[in-house]
Amino acid sequence: MVLQTERLFLRQLTPDDDAFILELLNEPGFLENIGDRQVRDLEGARRYVAEGPVVSYARHGFGLWWAGLKATAEPVGICGLIKREVLDHPDIGYAFLARFSGQGFASEAGAAVLAYGRRALGLGRIVAITKPDNDGSIRVLEKIGLTFDGMVNLPDHGGESRYFVSDA
């Protein structure tokens, strides 16, 4: 386990999370707001975990983490830190299954990840990006203390994104 909140625990993703990842990456909200990762089967989900989060854990000491309910260990989403080559600072990212939306899990996990990044990883600046019209994500970022800093156009990211910053 990487960290826990009142209702959630976060841990590293493993290839055994393939069914959950397959479901999450193909939800309409994920496809619309984050993008199509071309994961269409369990093998693709295992590859996504191995080539994305697992590589990030080894390279940076952080990545996207599996978020599950403490009470039942049911997966609800992913949340963590990503180091993109096109951004100077790590950014916070998250995605939650639609059936768990509106329950505050993104804010709860996001606040914990932000605190962990500062406290345990010593990160001074953490940023975030979101589609300009993703009102739910914008509310989460503002709730956990990030501030809108302008628009950025990242390669292979589907146009302009809102750019948020958080300084320690």
N, C-alpha and C. Protein backbone atom coordinates (compact mmCIF):
# COMPACT_ATOMS: atom_id res chain seq x y z
N MET A 1 0.84 -1.18 0.00
CA MET A 1 0.00 0.00 0.00
C MET A 1 0.88 1.24 0.00
N VAL A 2 0.52 2.20 -0.84
CA VAL A 2 1.26 3.46 -0.92
C VAL A 2 0.73 4.44 0.12
N LEU A 3 -0.59 4.59 0.17
CA LEU A 3 -1.19 5.49 1.15
C LEU A 3 -2.66 5.15 1.32
N GLN A 4 -3.26 5.75 2.34
CA GLN A 4 -4.68 5.52 2.58
C GLN A 4 -5.35 6.81 3.02
N THR A 5 -6.65 6.82 2.82
CA THR A 5 -7.48 7.95 3.23
C THR A 5 -8.55 7.38 4.16
N GLU A 6 -9.53 8.19 4.46
CA GLU A 6 -10.60 7.72 5.33
C GLU A 6 -11.34 6.52 4.72
N ARG A 7 -11.60 6.57 3.43
CA ARG A 7 -12.39 5.50 2.79
C ARG A 7 -11.63 4.66 1.77
N LEU A 8 -10.45 5.09 1.39
CA LEU A 8 -9.72 4.45 0.29
C LEU A 8 -8.33 4.01 0.70
N PHE A 9 -7.81 3.04 -0.04
CA PHE A 9 -6.38 2.81 0.02
C PHE A 9 -5.85 2.78 -1.41
N LEU A 10 -4.63 3.24 -1.56
CA LEU A 10 -3.99 3.31 -2.87
C LEU A 10 -2.75 2.45 -2.84
N ARG A 11 -2.56 1.71 -3.93
CA ARG A 11 -1.40 0.83 -4.05
C ARG A 11 -0.95 0.82 -5.50
N GLN A 12 0.21 0.24 -5.74
CA GLN A 12 0.69 0.13 -7.11
C GLN A 12 -0.21 -0.79 -7.92
N LEU A 13 -0.37 -0.46 -9.18
CA LEU A 13 -1.10 -1.32 -10.10
C LEU A 13 -0.23 -2.52 -10.45
N THR A 14 -0.87 -3.65 -10.68
CA THR A 14 -0.17 -4.86 -11.10
C THR A 14 -0.90 -5.45 -12.31
N PRO A 15 -0.26 -6.36 -13.02
CA PRO A 15 -0.94 -7.01 -14.15
C PRO A 15 -2.24 -7.70 -13.74
N ASP A 16 -2.37 -8.09 -12.49
CA ASP A 16 -3.59 -8.73 -12.01
C ASP A 16 -4.79 -7.79 -11.98
N ASP A 17 -4.56 -6.51 -12.16
CA ASP A 17 -5.63 -5.52 -12.19
C ASP A 17 -6.20 -5.36 -13.60
N ASP A 18 -5.90 -6.31 -14.47
CA ASP A 18 -6.25 -6.18 -15.89
C ASP A 18 -7.74 -5.98 -16.15
N ALA A 19 -8.62 -6.71 -15.50
CA ALA A 19 -10.06 -6.57 -15.77
C ALA A 19 -10.56 -5.18 -15.37
N PHE A 20 -10.10 -4.70 -14.24
CA PHE A 20 -10.47 -3.35 -13.78
C PHE A 20 -9.95 -2.29 -14.75
N ILE A 21 -8.70 -2.40 -15.16
CA ILE A 21 -8.11 -1.42 -16.09
C ILE A 21 -8.84 -1.45 -17.43
N LEU A 22 -9.16 -2.63 -17.91
CA LEU A 22 -9.91 -2.74 -19.16
C LEU A 22 -11.24 -1.99 -19.07
N GLU A 23 -11.95 -2.19 -17.96
CA GLU A 23 -13.22 -1.50 -17.77
C GLU A 23 -13.03 0.01 -17.69
N LEU A 24 -12.10 0.46 -16.85
CA LEU A 24 -11.89 1.89 -16.63
C LEU A 24 -11.49 2.62 -17.90
N LEU A 25 -10.55 2.08 -18.64
CA LEU A 25 -10.02 2.76 -19.82
C LEU A 25 -11.01 2.79 -20.98
N ASN A 26 -12.09 2.03 -20.87
CA ASN A 26 -13.09 2.02 -21.93
C ASN A 26 -14.40 2.66 -21.53
N GLU A 27 -14.44 3.30 -20.37
CA GLU A 27 -15.64 4.02 -19.96
C GLU A 27 -15.77 5.29 -20.79
N PRO A 28 -17.00 5.70 -21.12
CA PRO A 28 -17.20 6.91 -21.93
C PRO A 28 -16.49 8.14 -21.36
N GLY A 29 -16.54 8.34 -20.05
CA GLY A 29 -15.89 9.51 -19.45
C GLY A 29 -14.38 9.49 -19.62
N PHE A 30 -13.77 8.32 -19.51
CA PHE A 30 -12.33 8.20 -19.70
C PHE A 30 -11.99 8.52 -21.16
N LEU A 31 -12.71 7.90 -22.08
CA LEU A 31 -12.45 8.11 -23.51
C LEU A 31 -12.61 9.57 -23.89
N GLU A 32 -13.65 10.22 -23.36
CA GLU A 32 -13.93 11.61 -23.70
C GLU A 32 -12.94 12.58 -23.08
N ASN A 33 -12.59 12.37 -21.81
CA ASN A 33 -11.78 13.36 -21.10
C ASN A 33 -10.30 13.07 -21.05
N ILE A 34 -9.92 11.83 -21.19
CA ILE A 34 -8.50 11.47 -21.11
C ILE A 34 -8.00 10.99 -22.46
N GLY A 35 -8.77 10.14 -23.11
CA GLY A 35 -8.39 9.70 -24.45
C GLY A 35 -8.44 8.19 -24.58
N ASP A 36 -8.42 7.75 -25.79
CA ASP A 36 -8.48 6.33 -26.11
C ASP A 36 -7.08 5.74 -26.06
N ARG A 37 -6.85 4.85 -25.12
CA ARG A 37 -5.55 4.20 -24.96
C ARG A 37 -5.46 2.91 -25.79
N GLN A 38 -6.48 2.63 -26.58
CA GLN A 38 -6.51 1.46 -27.46
C GLN A 38 -6.37 0.15 -26.69
N VAL A 39 -6.89 0.11 -25.49
CA VAL A 39 -6.89 -1.11 -24.67
C VAL A 39 -8.24 -1.79 -24.88
N ARG A 40 -8.22 -2.94 -25.55
CA ARG A 40 -9.47 -3.60 -25.92
C ARG A 40 -9.64 -5.00 -25.34
N ASP A 41 -8.59 -5.50 -24.67
CA ASP A 41 -8.67 -6.83 -24.09
C ASP A 41 -7.76 -6.90 -22.87
N LEU A 42 -7.82 -8.03 -22.16
CA LEU A 42 -7.05 -8.18 -20.93
C LEU A 42 -5.55 -8.10 -21.19
N GLU A 43 -5.10 -8.65 -22.29
CA GLU A 43 -3.68 -8.56 -22.63
C GLU A 43 -3.26 -7.10 -22.81
N GLY A 44 -4.10 -6.32 -23.48
CA GLY A 44 -3.82 -4.90 -23.64
C GLY A 44 -3.80 -4.16 -22.31
N ALA A 45 -4.68 -4.54 -21.41
CA ALA A 45 -4.71 -3.92 -20.07
C ALA A 45 -3.42 -4.25 -19.30
N ARG A 46 -2.98 -5.49 -19.39
CA ARG A 46 -1.72 -5.86 -18.72
C ARG A 46 -0.54 -5.09 -19.32
N ARG A 47 -0.55 -4.93 -20.63
CA ARG A 47 0.52 -4.19 -21.31
C ARG A 47 0.49 -2.72 -20.87
N TYR A 48 -0.72 -2.15 -20.79
CA TYR A 48 -0.86 -0.76 -20.33
C TYR A 48 -0.22 -0.57 -18.95
N VAL A 49 -0.53 -1.48 -18.04
CA VAL A 49 0.03 -1.39 -16.68
C VAL A 49 1.55 -1.54 -16.72
N ALA A 50 2.03 -2.52 -17.46
CA ALA A 50 3.48 -2.80 -17.50
C ALA A 50 4.27 -1.67 -18.15
N GLU A 51 3.72 -1.10 -19.21
CA GLU A 51 4.47 -0.08 -19.96
C GLU A 51 4.24 1.34 -19.47
N GLY A 52 3.23 1.53 -18.62
CA GLY A 52 2.94 2.86 -18.10
C GLY A 52 3.27 2.97 -16.62
N PRO A 53 2.31 2.64 -15.76
CA PRO A 53 2.54 2.79 -14.31
C PRO A 53 3.76 2.05 -13.78
N VAL A 54 3.97 0.80 -14.17
CA VAL A 54 5.10 0.04 -13.61
C VAL A 54 6.44 0.67 -14.00
N VAL A 55 6.55 1.13 -15.24
CA VAL A 55 7.77 1.82 -15.66
C VAL A 55 7.95 3.11 -14.86
N SER A 56 6.86 3.84 -14.64
CA SER A 56 6.93 5.08 -13.88
C SER A 56 7.36 4.83 -12.43
N TYR A 57 6.85 3.76 -11.81
CA TYR A 57 7.26 3.45 -10.43
C TYR A 57 8.78 3.27 -10.37
N ALA A 58 9.32 2.52 -11.33
CA ALA A 58 10.76 2.24 -11.34
C ALA A 58 11.58 3.49 -11.66
N ARG A 59 11.11 4.28 -12.59
CA ARG A 59 11.86 5.44 -13.05
C ARG A 59 11.76 6.64 -12.10
N HIS A 60 10.56 6.88 -11.56
CA HIS A 60 10.33 8.11 -10.79
C HIS A 60 9.98 7.88 -9.32
N GLY A 61 9.61 6.66 -8.96
CA GLY A 61 9.19 6.39 -7.59
C GLY A 61 7.73 6.72 -7.36
N PHE A 62 7.02 7.03 -8.44
CA PHE A 62 5.58 7.29 -8.36
C PHE A 62 4.95 6.98 -9.71
N GLY A 63 3.64 7.02 -9.73
CA GLY A 63 2.89 6.76 -10.96
C GLY A 63 1.41 6.79 -10.63
N LEU A 64 0.61 6.24 -11.51
CA LEU A 64 -0.82 6.11 -11.23
C LEU A 64 -1.03 4.90 -10.33
N TRP A 65 -1.78 5.09 -9.26
CA TRP A 65 -2.02 4.02 -8.30
C TRP A 65 -3.47 3.56 -8.34
N TRP A 66 -3.66 2.31 -8.07
CA TRP A 66 -4.98 1.69 -7.93
C TRP A 66 -5.61 2.25 -6.67
N ALA A 67 -6.87 2.67 -6.76
CA ALA A 67 -7.61 3.18 -5.60
C ALA A 67 -8.79 2.26 -5.35
N GLY A 68 -8.88 1.75 -4.13
CA GLY A 68 -9.97 0.85 -3.79
C GLY A 68 -10.59 1.19 -2.45
N LEU A 69 -11.81 0.69 -2.27
CA LEU A 69 -12.52 0.93 -1.01
C LEU A 69 -11.87 0.14 0.11
N LYS A 70 -11.62 0.81 1.23
CA LYS A 70 -11.08 0.11 2.39
C LYS A 70 -12.01 -0.99 2.87
N ALA A 71 -13.29 -0.71 2.85
CA ALA A 71 -14.28 -1.63 3.42
C ALA A 71 -14.38 -2.94 2.64
N THR A 72 -14.22 -2.88 1.31
CA THR A 72 -14.46 -4.07 0.50
C THR A 72 -13.31 -4.44 -0.43
N ALA A 73 -12.32 -3.58 -0.56
CA ALA A 73 -11.20 -3.75 -1.50
C ALA A 73 -11.65 -3.71 -2.96
N GLU A 74 -12.85 -3.19 -3.20
CA GLU A 74 -13.33 -3.05 -4.57
C GLU A 74 -12.63 -1.87 -5.24
N PRO A 75 -12.11 -2.05 -6.45
CA PRO A 75 -11.46 -0.93 -7.13
C PRO A 75 -12.48 0.12 -7.55
N VAL A 76 -12.12 1.38 -7.36
CA VAL A 76 -13.00 2.47 -7.75
C VAL A 76 -12.36 3.37 -8.80
N GLY A 77 -11.04 3.37 -8.88
CA GLY A 77 -10.37 4.24 -9.84
C GLY A 77 -8.87 4.18 -9.72
N ILE A 78 -8.23 5.13 -10.38
CA ILE A 78 -6.79 5.30 -10.29
C ILE A 78 -6.51 6.76 -9.96
N CYS A 79 -5.43 6.99 -9.25
CA CYS A 79 -5.02 8.35 -8.91
C CYS A 79 -3.54 8.31 -8.61
N GLY A 80 -2.84 9.32 -9.05
CA GLY A 80 -1.41 9.34 -8.76
C GLY A 80 -0.72 10.50 -9.45
N LEU A 81 0.59 10.36 -9.57
CA LEU A 81 1.42 11.39 -10.16
C LEU A 81 2.07 10.84 -11.43
N ILE A 82 2.15 11.69 -12.43
CA ILE A 82 2.71 11.32 -13.72
C ILE A 82 3.80 12.32 -14.06
N LYS A 83 4.92 11.84 -14.56
CA LYS A 83 5.96 12.76 -15.04
C LYS A 83 6.00 12.67 -16.56
N ARG A 84 5.42 13.68 -17.19
CA ARG A 84 5.39 13.75 -18.66
C ARG A 84 6.61 14.52 -19.15
N GLU A 85 7.19 14.06 -20.23
CA GLU A 85 8.35 14.75 -20.80
C GLU A 85 8.02 16.19 -21.19
N VAL A 86 6.78 16.45 -21.55
CA VAL A 86 6.40 17.78 -22.05
C VAL A 86 6.06 18.77 -20.93
N LEU A 87 6.03 18.32 -19.69
CA LEU A 87 5.77 19.21 -18.56
C LEU A 87 6.99 19.24 -17.65
N ASP A 88 7.28 20.41 -17.09
CA ASP A 88 8.46 20.55 -16.23
C ASP A 88 8.28 19.89 -14.86
N HIS A 89 7.03 19.71 -14.43
CA HIS A 89 6.76 19.19 -13.10
C HIS A 89 5.81 18.00 -13.19
N PRO A 90 5.83 17.13 -12.18
CA PRO A 90 4.87 16.02 -12.16
C PRO A 90 3.44 16.56 -12.10
N ASP A 91 2.53 15.83 -12.75
CA ASP A 91 1.14 16.25 -12.67
C ASP A 91 0.29 15.17 -12.03
N ILE A 92 -0.74 15.63 -11.36
CA ILE A 92 -1.66 14.72 -10.70
C ILE A 92 -2.71 14.28 -11.71
N GLY A 93 -2.99 12.99 -11.70
CA GLY A 93 -3.97 12.45 -12.62
C GLY A 93 -4.89 11.49 -11.90
N TYR A 94 -6.09 11.35 -12.41
CA TYR A 94 -7.05 10.44 -11.78
C TYR A 94 -8.15 10.09 -12.77
N ALA A 95 -8.75 8.96 -12.53
CA ALA A 95 -9.93 8.52 -13.28
C ALA A 95 -10.67 7.54 -12.38
N PHE A 96 -11.98 7.70 -12.32
CA PHE A 96 -12.78 6.83 -11.47
C PHE A 96 -13.92 6.23 -12.27
N LEU A 97 -14.28 5.02 -11.93
CA LEU A 97 -15.40 4.36 -12.59
C LEU A 97 -16.66 5.20 -12.41
N ALA A 98 -17.46 5.29 -13.45
CA ALA A 98 -18.66 6.14 -13.43
C ALA A 98 -19.59 5.81 -12.27
N ARG A 99 -19.69 4.54 -11.93
CA ARG A 99 -20.62 4.17 -10.86
C ARG A 99 -20.18 4.70 -9.49
N PHE A 100 -18.96 5.21 -9.39
CA PHE A 100 -18.48 5.78 -8.14
C PHE A 100 -18.36 7.30 -8.20
N SER A 101 -18.84 7.90 -9.28
CA SER A 101 -18.73 9.36 -9.40
C SER A 101 -19.71 10.04 -8.45
N GLY A 102 -19.39 11.27 -8.11
CA GLY A 102 -20.26 12.06 -7.24
C GLY A 102 -20.18 11.70 -5.78
N GLN A 103 -19.23 10.87 -5.40
CA GLN A 103 -19.10 10.47 -4.00
C GLN A 103 -17.86 11.05 -3.32
N GLY A 104 -17.14 11.92 -4.03
CA GLY A 104 -15.99 12.59 -3.44
C GLY A 104 -14.70 11.79 -3.46
N PHE A 105 -14.68 10.66 -4.16
CA PHE A 105 -13.47 9.83 -4.17
C PHE A 105 -12.29 10.50 -4.87
N ALA A 106 -12.57 11.21 -5.97
CA ALA A 106 -11.48 11.88 -6.69
C ALA A 106 -10.83 12.95 -5.82
N SER A 107 -11.64 13.73 -5.13
CA SER A 107 -11.10 14.77 -4.25
C SER A 107 -10.33 14.16 -3.08
N GLU A 108 -10.88 13.10 -2.51
CA GLU A 108 -10.25 12.44 -1.37
C GLU A 108 -8.90 11.84 -1.77
N ALA A 109 -8.89 11.11 -2.87
CA ALA A 109 -7.63 10.51 -3.33
C ALA A 109 -6.67 11.58 -3.81
N GLY A 110 -7.17 12.57 -4.54
CA GLY A 110 -6.32 13.63 -5.06
C GLY A 110 -5.63 14.42 -3.97
N ALA A 111 -6.35 14.75 -2.91
CA ALA A 111 -5.75 15.48 -1.79
C ALA A 111 -4.67 14.64 -1.12
N ALA A 112 -4.91 13.35 -0.97
CA ALA A 112 -3.93 12.46 -0.35
C ALA A 112 -2.68 12.33 -1.23
N VAL A 113 -2.86 12.21 -2.53
CA VAL A 113 -1.73 12.10 -3.45
C VAL A 113 -0.92 13.39 -3.44
N LEU A 114 -1.59 14.52 -3.44
CA LEU A 114 -0.91 15.81 -3.39
C LEU A 114 -0.06 15.92 -2.12
N ALA A 115 -0.64 15.58 -0.99
CA ALA A 115 0.10 15.62 0.29
C ALA A 115 1.27 14.64 0.28
N TYR A 116 1.05 13.45 -0.26
CA TYR A 116 2.10 12.44 -0.34
C TYR A 116 3.25 12.94 -1.24
N GLY A 117 2.90 13.55 -2.36
CA GLY A 117 3.93 14.08 -3.25
C GLY A 117 4.80 15.12 -2.57
N ARG A 118 4.19 15.94 -1.77
CA ARG A 118 4.96 16.96 -1.05
C ARG A 118 5.75 16.37 0.11
N ARG A 119 5.07 15.60 0.95
CA ARG A 119 5.67 15.10 2.18
C ARG A 119 6.67 13.98 1.93
N ALA A 120 6.25 12.93 1.26
CA ALA A 120 7.09 11.75 1.10
C ALA A 120 8.07 11.86 -0.07
N LEU A 121 7.66 12.57 -1.13
CA LEU A 121 8.50 12.64 -2.32
C LEU A 121 9.26 13.95 -2.43
N GLY A 122 8.92 14.93 -1.59
CA GLY A 122 9.62 16.21 -1.59
C GLY A 122 9.41 17.05 -2.85
N LEU A 123 8.26 16.89 -3.48
CA LEU A 123 7.98 17.66 -4.68
C LEU A 123 7.49 19.05 -4.31
N GLY A 124 8.12 20.07 -4.84
CA GLY A 124 7.73 21.43 -4.53
C GLY A 124 6.55 21.90 -5.35
N ARG A 125 6.54 21.56 -6.62
CA ARG A 125 5.45 21.99 -7.50
C ARG A 125 4.83 20.75 -8.14
N ILE A 126 3.53 20.70 -8.05
CA ILE A 126 2.75 19.65 -8.71
C ILE A 126 1.72 20.37 -9.56
N VAL A 127 1.54 19.91 -10.78
CA VAL A 127 0.64 20.57 -11.71
C VAL A 127 -0.47 19.60 -12.11
N ALA A 128 -1.39 20.09 -12.91
CA ALA A 128 -2.46 19.23 -13.44
C ALA A 128 -2.93 19.83 -14.76
N ILE A 129 -3.45 18.96 -15.60
CA ILE A 129 -4.05 19.40 -16.85
C ILE A 129 -5.42 18.75 -16.98
N THR A 130 -6.31 19.46 -17.64
CA THR A 130 -7.63 18.90 -17.89
C THR A 130 -8.22 19.56 -19.13
N LYS A 131 -9.13 18.85 -19.76
CA LYS A 131 -9.82 19.45 -20.91
C LYS A 131 -10.55 20.70 -20.45
N PRO A 132 -10.64 21.70 -21.31
CA PRO A 132 -11.26 22.98 -20.92
C PRO A 132 -12.69 22.86 -20.42
N ASP A 133 -13.44 21.87 -20.91
CA ASP A 133 -14.84 21.75 -20.53
C ASP A 133 -15.12 20.62 -19.54
N ASN A 134 -14.08 20.08 -18.93
CA ASN A 134 -14.26 19.00 -17.95
C ASN A 134 -14.53 19.63 -16.57
N ASP A 135 -15.76 20.09 -16.39
CA ASP A 135 -16.11 20.81 -15.17
C ASP A 135 -15.90 20.00 -13.90
N GLY A 136 -16.18 18.71 -13.93
CA GLY A 136 -15.98 17.87 -12.76
C GLY A 136 -14.53 17.83 -12.33
N SER A 137 -13.63 17.65 -13.27
CA SER A 137 -12.21 17.61 -12.96
C SER A 137 -11.71 18.97 -12.49
N ILE A 138 -12.20 20.02 -13.10
CA ILE A 138 -11.81 21.37 -12.68
C ILE A 138 -12.21 21.60 -11.22
N ARG A 139 -13.42 21.19 -10.85
CA ARG A 139 -13.87 21.34 -9.46
C ARG A 139 -12.97 20.55 -8.50
N VAL A 140 -12.60 19.33 -8.89
CA VAL A 140 -11.72 18.51 -8.04
C VAL A 140 -10.39 19.22 -7.85
N LEU A 141 -9.79 19.69 -8.92
CA LEU A 141 -8.48 20.34 -8.82
C LEU A 141 -8.54 21.58 -7.94
N GLU A 142 -9.59 22.37 -8.09
CA GLU A 142 -9.73 23.56 -7.24
C GLU A 142 -9.98 23.18 -5.79
N LYS A 143 -10.76 22.14 -5.57
CA LYS A 143 -11.06 21.70 -4.20
C LYS A 143 -9.81 21.24 -3.46
N ILE A 144 -8.88 20.60 -4.18
CA ILE A 144 -7.66 20.11 -3.51
C ILE A 144 -6.55 21.15 -3.48
N GLY A 145 -6.85 22.36 -3.96
CA GLY A 145 -5.92 23.47 -3.77
C GLY A 145 -5.09 23.87 -4.97
N LEU A 146 -5.38 23.37 -6.14
CA LEU A 146 -4.65 23.80 -7.32
C LEU A 146 -5.32 25.05 -7.92
N THR A 147 -4.53 25.85 -8.59
CA THR A 147 -4.99 27.12 -9.14
C THR A 147 -4.79 27.13 -10.65
N PHE A 148 -5.80 27.59 -11.37
CA PHE A 148 -5.70 27.71 -12.82
C PHE A 148 -4.60 28.70 -13.17
N ASP A 149 -3.73 28.30 -14.11
CA ASP A 149 -2.57 29.12 -14.47
C ASP A 149 -2.54 29.47 -15.95
N GLY A 150 -3.51 29.02 -16.72
CA GLY A 150 -3.53 29.33 -18.15
C GLY A 150 -3.81 28.10 -18.99
N MET A 151 -3.70 28.28 -20.28
CA MET A 151 -3.95 27.19 -21.21
C MET A 151 -2.62 26.71 -21.78
N VAL A 152 -2.52 25.40 -22.02
CA VAL A 152 -1.34 24.82 -22.65
C VAL A 152 -1.81 23.91 -23.78
N ASN A 153 -0.95 23.76 -24.75
CA ASN A 153 -1.24 22.87 -25.86
C ASN A 153 -0.15 21.79 -25.88
N LEU A 154 -0.49 20.62 -25.39
CA LEU A 154 0.47 19.52 -25.30
C LEU A 154 0.37 18.63 -26.54
N PRO A 155 1.50 18.19 -27.05
CA PRO A 155 1.46 17.28 -28.20
C PRO A 155 0.68 16.01 -27.86
N ASP A 156 -0.05 15.51 -28.81
CA ASP A 156 -0.81 14.26 -28.67
C ASP A 156 -1.78 14.29 -27.51
N HIS A 157 -2.35 15.46 -27.22
CA HIS A 157 -3.29 15.55 -26.11
C HIS A 157 -4.63 16.14 -26.52
N GLY A 158 -4.88 16.17 -27.81
CA GLY A 158 -6.20 16.56 -28.29
C GLY A 158 -6.54 18.03 -28.16
N GLY A 159 -5.59 18.90 -28.35
CA GLY A 159 -5.87 20.33 -28.29
C GLY A 159 -5.47 20.97 -26.98
N GLU A 160 -6.02 22.13 -26.74
CA GLU A 160 -5.65 22.88 -25.54
C GLU A 160 -6.17 22.23 -24.27
N SER A 161 -5.40 22.42 -23.20
CA SER A 161 -5.79 21.94 -21.87
C SER A 161 -5.68 23.08 -20.88
N ARG A 162 -6.51 23.02 -19.87
CA ARG A 162 -6.36 23.94 -18.74
C ARG A 162 -5.18 23.44 -17.91
N TYR A 163 -4.36 24.38 -17.46
CA TYR A 163 -3.13 24.06 -16.71
C TYR A 163 -3.30 24.63 -15.30
N PHE A 164 -3.16 23.75 -14.32
CA PHE A 164 -3.30 24.13 -12.92
C PHE A 164 -1.98 23.91 -12.19
N VAL A 165 -1.70 24.70 -11.17
CA VAL A 165 -0.46 24.58 -10.40
C VAL A 165 -0.76 24.53 -8.92
N SER A 166 0.16 23.89 -8.21
CA SER A 166 0.12 23.85 -6.76
C SER A 166 1.55 23.91 -6.26
N ASP A 167 1.84 24.91 -5.47
CA ASP A 167 3.17 25.02 -4.90
C ASP A 167 3.14 24.66 -3.44
N ALA A 168 4.20 24.03 -3.00
CA ALA A 168 4.29 23.62 -1.58
C ALA A 168 4.35 24.82 -0.68
